[in-house]
Each structure stands twice: as C-alpha cells, then as structure tokens.
N, C-alpha and C. Protein backbone atom coordinates (compact mmCIF):
# COMPACT_ATOMS: atom_id res chain seq x y z
N MET A 1 6.52 0.16 13.46
CA MET A 1 5.46 1.01 13.02
C MET A 1 4.35 0.11 12.51
N ARG A 2 3.13 0.55 12.75
CA ARG A 2 1.98 -0.23 12.29
C ARG A 2 0.83 0.72 11.95
N VAL A 3 -0.13 0.20 11.23
CA VAL A 3 -1.36 0.92 10.92
C VAL A 3 -2.51 0.18 11.58
N ASP A 4 -3.34 0.93 12.30
CA ASP A 4 -4.54 0.37 12.91
C ASP A 4 -5.69 0.57 11.92
N GLN A 5 -6.07 -0.48 11.22
CA GLN A 5 -7.10 -0.37 10.20
C GLN A 5 -8.46 0.01 10.77
N ASP A 6 -8.70 -0.26 12.05
CA ASP A 6 -9.96 0.14 12.67
C ASP A 6 -10.10 1.66 12.74
N LEU A 7 -8.97 2.37 12.73
CA LEU A 7 -8.98 3.83 12.79
C LEU A 7 -8.77 4.48 11.42
N CYS A 8 -8.35 3.70 10.44
CA CYS A 8 -8.01 4.24 9.12
C CYS A 8 -9.25 4.80 8.44
N THR A 9 -9.13 6.02 7.92
CA THR A 9 -10.23 6.67 7.20
C THR A 9 -10.13 6.47 5.70
N GLY A 10 -9.03 5.89 5.23
CA GLY A 10 -8.84 5.70 3.80
C GLY A 10 -8.53 6.98 3.06
N ASP A 11 -8.10 8.00 3.77
CA ASP A 11 -7.84 9.31 3.18
C ASP A 11 -6.66 9.29 2.21
N GLY A 12 -5.66 8.48 2.48
CA GLY A 12 -4.57 8.30 1.53
C GLY A 12 -3.35 9.16 1.72
N LEU A 13 -3.31 9.98 2.76
CA LEU A 13 -2.13 10.82 2.96
C LEU A 13 -0.88 9.99 3.16
N CYS A 14 -1.00 8.87 3.86
CA CYS A 14 0.18 8.03 4.11
C CYS A 14 0.75 7.50 2.80
N VAL A 15 -0.12 7.07 1.90
CA VAL A 15 0.32 6.54 0.62
C VAL A 15 0.98 7.64 -0.20
N GLN A 16 0.48 8.87 -0.08
CA GLN A 16 1.10 9.99 -0.79
C GLN A 16 2.47 10.33 -0.21
N TYR A 17 2.58 10.33 1.11
CA TYR A 17 3.84 10.66 1.77
C TYR A 17 4.90 9.58 1.57
N ALA A 18 4.53 8.33 1.70
CA ALA A 18 5.52 7.24 1.69
C ALA A 18 4.95 6.00 0.98
N PRO A 19 4.83 6.05 -0.35
CA PRO A 19 4.28 4.90 -1.07
C PRO A 19 5.15 3.64 -0.97
N GLU A 20 6.41 3.80 -0.60
CA GLU A 20 7.28 2.63 -0.42
C GLU A 20 6.92 1.86 0.85
N VAL A 21 6.20 2.52 1.77
CA VAL A 21 5.89 1.93 3.07
C VAL A 21 4.41 1.58 3.21
N PHE A 22 3.53 2.40 2.64
CA PHE A 22 2.09 2.24 2.79
C PHE A 22 1.43 1.94 1.45
N GLU A 23 0.35 1.18 1.51
CA GLU A 23 -0.43 0.90 0.30
C GLU A 23 -1.86 0.57 0.71
N PHE A 24 -2.80 0.90 -0.18
CA PHE A 24 -4.19 0.52 0.04
C PHE A 24 -4.42 -0.92 -0.38
N ASP A 25 -5.28 -1.61 0.33
CA ASP A 25 -5.72 -2.94 -0.08
C ASP A 25 -7.10 -2.78 -0.72
N VAL A 26 -7.69 -3.87 -1.15
CA VAL A 26 -8.99 -3.82 -1.83
C VAL A 26 -10.10 -3.29 -0.93
N ASP A 27 -9.89 -3.32 0.40
CA ASP A 27 -10.89 -2.80 1.32
C ASP A 27 -10.84 -1.28 1.47
N GLY A 28 -9.89 -0.63 0.76
CA GLY A 28 -9.79 0.83 0.80
C GLY A 28 -9.04 1.36 2.01
N LEU A 29 -8.42 0.47 2.78
CA LEU A 29 -7.69 0.87 3.98
C LEU A 29 -6.19 0.73 3.74
N ALA A 30 -5.42 1.51 4.48
CA ALA A 30 -3.96 1.49 4.35
C ALA A 30 -3.35 0.36 5.17
N TYR A 31 -2.30 -0.21 4.61
CA TYR A 31 -1.52 -1.26 5.26
C TYR A 31 -0.05 -0.96 5.05
N VAL A 32 0.80 -1.58 5.86
CA VAL A 32 2.24 -1.42 5.69
C VAL A 32 2.75 -2.50 4.75
N LYS A 33 3.89 -2.20 4.12
CA LYS A 33 4.55 -3.16 3.24
C LYS A 33 5.75 -3.76 3.95
N GLY A 34 5.99 -5.03 3.69
CA GLY A 34 7.17 -5.70 4.22
C GLY A 34 8.40 -5.32 3.42
N ASP A 35 9.54 -5.84 3.83
CA ASP A 35 10.81 -5.55 3.15
C ASP A 35 10.78 -5.94 1.68
N ASP A 36 9.99 -6.94 1.34
CA ASP A 36 9.90 -7.40 -0.04
C ASP A 36 8.85 -6.64 -0.85
N GLY A 37 8.21 -5.64 -0.23
CA GLY A 37 7.20 -4.85 -0.92
C GLY A 37 5.80 -5.44 -0.86
N GLU A 38 5.67 -6.62 -0.24
CA GLU A 38 4.36 -7.26 -0.12
C GLU A 38 3.54 -6.59 0.98
N LEU A 39 2.26 -6.48 0.73
CA LEU A 39 1.34 -5.90 1.69
C LEU A 39 1.16 -6.83 2.89
N LEU A 40 1.30 -6.30 4.09
CA LEU A 40 1.12 -7.09 5.31
C LEU A 40 -0.28 -6.83 5.85
N VAL A 41 -1.19 -7.75 5.61
CA VAL A 41 -2.59 -7.54 5.94
C VAL A 41 -3.01 -8.16 7.27
N ALA A 42 -2.10 -8.84 7.94
CA ALA A 42 -2.43 -9.42 9.24
C ALA A 42 -2.67 -8.30 10.25
N PRO A 43 -3.68 -8.41 11.09
CA PRO A 43 -3.92 -7.37 12.10
C PRO A 43 -2.69 -7.15 12.98
N GLY A 44 -2.33 -5.89 13.16
CA GLY A 44 -1.20 -5.55 14.01
C GLY A 44 0.16 -5.74 13.37
N ALA A 45 0.21 -6.01 12.07
CA ALA A 45 1.49 -6.22 11.40
C ALA A 45 2.38 -4.98 11.57
N THR A 46 3.63 -5.22 11.92
CA THR A 46 4.56 -4.12 12.14
C THR A 46 5.75 -4.24 11.20
N VAL A 47 6.35 -3.09 10.90
CA VAL A 47 7.58 -3.04 10.10
C VAL A 47 8.50 -2.00 10.71
N GLU A 48 9.78 -2.17 10.44
CA GLU A 48 10.73 -1.13 10.82
C GLU A 48 10.71 -0.07 9.73
N ILE A 49 10.85 1.17 10.14
CA ILE A 49 10.85 2.27 9.18
C ILE A 49 12.23 2.36 8.55
N PRO A 50 12.31 2.29 7.22
CA PRO A 50 13.61 2.47 6.58
C PRO A 50 14.17 3.85 6.93
N ALA A 51 15.45 3.90 7.26
CA ALA A 51 16.07 5.15 7.72
C ALA A 51 15.85 6.29 6.73
N HIS A 52 15.95 5.99 5.44
CA HIS A 52 15.82 7.05 4.44
C HIS A 52 14.38 7.54 4.25
N LEU A 53 13.41 6.87 4.90
CA LEU A 53 12.00 7.26 4.79
C LEU A 53 11.40 7.71 6.11
N ARG A 54 12.22 7.84 7.14
CA ARG A 54 11.67 8.13 8.47
C ARG A 54 10.92 9.46 8.51
N LEU A 55 11.42 10.49 7.84
CA LEU A 55 10.72 11.78 7.87
C LEU A 55 9.37 11.69 7.19
N GLU A 56 9.31 10.98 6.07
CA GLU A 56 8.05 10.83 5.36
C GLU A 56 7.02 10.08 6.21
N VAL A 57 7.48 9.05 6.91
CA VAL A 57 6.57 8.26 7.75
C VAL A 57 6.10 9.08 8.95
N ILE A 58 7.01 9.83 9.56
CA ILE A 58 6.62 10.69 10.68
C ILE A 58 5.62 11.74 10.23
N ASP A 59 5.87 12.36 9.07
CA ASP A 59 4.92 13.34 8.54
C ASP A 59 3.56 12.69 8.26
N ALA A 60 3.57 11.49 7.69
CA ALA A 60 2.32 10.79 7.42
C ALA A 60 1.55 10.54 8.71
N ALA A 61 2.26 10.11 9.76
CA ALA A 61 1.62 9.85 11.05
C ALA A 61 1.03 11.12 11.64
N GLN A 62 1.75 12.22 11.52
CA GLN A 62 1.26 13.48 12.10
C GLN A 62 0.07 14.04 11.33
N GLU A 63 0.03 13.82 10.03
CA GLU A 63 -1.04 14.37 9.20
C GLU A 63 -2.25 13.45 9.07
N CYS A 64 -2.12 12.22 9.48
CA CYS A 64 -3.19 11.23 9.32
C CYS A 64 -4.45 11.66 10.06
N PRO A 65 -5.58 11.84 9.34
CA PRO A 65 -6.81 12.28 10.01
C PRO A 65 -7.39 11.22 10.95
N GLY A 66 -7.09 9.95 10.70
CA GLY A 66 -7.60 8.89 11.56
C GLY A 66 -6.67 8.56 12.72
N GLU A 67 -5.50 9.19 12.74
CA GLU A 67 -4.48 8.93 13.77
C GLU A 67 -4.25 7.43 13.92
N CYS A 68 -4.14 6.74 12.79
CA CYS A 68 -4.02 5.28 12.81
C CYS A 68 -2.61 4.77 12.63
N ILE A 69 -1.65 5.65 12.37
CA ILE A 69 -0.26 5.23 12.19
C ILE A 69 0.45 5.34 13.53
N HIS A 70 0.92 4.21 14.00
CA HIS A 70 1.56 4.15 15.32
C HIS A 70 3.04 3.85 15.15
N ILE A 71 3.87 4.78 15.59
CA ILE A 71 5.32 4.61 15.51
C ILE A 71 5.83 4.26 16.89
N GLN A 72 6.53 3.14 16.97
CA GLN A 72 7.00 2.64 18.26
C GLN A 72 8.52 2.52 18.25
N ARG A 73 9.08 2.56 19.45
CA ARG A 73 10.52 2.33 19.60
C ARG A 73 10.80 0.85 19.33
N THR A 74 11.90 0.59 18.67
CA THR A 74 12.26 -0.78 18.31
C THR A 74 12.59 -1.62 19.53
N HIS A 75 13.29 -1.04 20.49
CA HIS A 75 13.80 -1.84 21.61
C HIS A 75 12.74 -2.26 22.62
N ASP A 76 11.65 -1.49 22.74
CA ASP A 76 10.65 -1.87 23.75
C ASP A 76 9.20 -1.80 23.26
N GLY A 77 8.98 -1.39 22.02
CA GLY A 77 7.64 -1.35 21.46
C GLY A 77 6.75 -0.23 21.96
N GLU A 78 7.30 0.66 22.79
CA GLU A 78 6.53 1.79 23.30
C GLU A 78 6.40 2.87 22.23
N PRO A 79 5.29 3.61 22.23
CA PRO A 79 5.12 4.69 21.24
C PRO A 79 6.20 5.76 21.40
N LEU A 80 6.59 6.34 20.27
CA LEU A 80 7.53 7.47 20.32
C LEU A 80 6.82 8.69 20.89
N SER A 81 7.51 9.41 21.74
CA SER A 81 6.97 10.66 22.28
C SER A 81 7.14 11.75 21.23
N GLU A 82 6.47 12.85 21.42
CA GLU A 82 6.63 13.99 20.51
C GLU A 82 8.09 14.45 20.47
N GLU A 83 8.76 14.43 21.62
CA GLU A 83 10.16 14.83 21.68
C GLU A 83 11.03 13.89 20.86
N GLU A 84 10.76 12.59 20.95
CA GLU A 84 11.53 11.62 20.17
C GLU A 84 11.28 11.79 18.68
N ARG A 85 10.05 12.06 18.31
CA ARG A 85 9.75 12.30 16.89
C ARG A 85 10.48 13.54 16.39
N ALA A 86 10.48 14.60 17.20
CA ALA A 86 11.16 15.83 16.80
C ALA A 86 12.66 15.60 16.64
N ALA A 87 13.24 14.77 17.50
CA ALA A 87 14.68 14.50 17.43
C ALA A 87 15.05 13.74 16.16
N LEU A 88 14.12 13.02 15.58
CA LEU A 88 14.39 12.27 14.35
C LEU A 88 14.40 13.15 13.11
N ARG A 89 13.91 14.34 13.26
CA ARG A 89 13.83 15.25 12.10
C ARG A 89 15.16 15.82 11.74
C-alpha cells in the first residue's frame, strides 16, 4: 500500500481512519508509516497493511477524496480489484 502525494488533498480522512498507518508531514500531505512508526517520505514508499488494520485502511482508501491511497497485492504489486477489497471485509 502506498500514498501518492501528488494526488493527496490533505483532507485527513486516512489519518482519522488509521493513525497507526498514516500521518501528515510538515507539507500537510499524508504519508505511510513503517513498521517502526517512522514516516516514510520517499516517493512511492510502500508498506504492508497490518492484518488487524486492513478494514480501516480499505475504508480510508475508499473514502479518500484525492483517491491517493493505492492498495496492491503483495505477490505481484497489482492493484486490488473491488471484488478483492470486498473479500477482505
């Protein structure tokens, strides 16, 4: 999963849904956090979604007004389809 900062509106829904995964940086845009809780500010930084937070992250991606949260399959990096997202619920 990654956040595309070029599309981020800074609305903050992701941080509200899953503060363990998303955080704002000083530029007002959302970024993902690494396993150690550190903000990953490199362009295209990806993280695996913790199993216990998958619903929150999926909800954040669906509600994001900038559509900047991209959830991908681990094995091939392809985006999850709507059917795959529904199956995770």
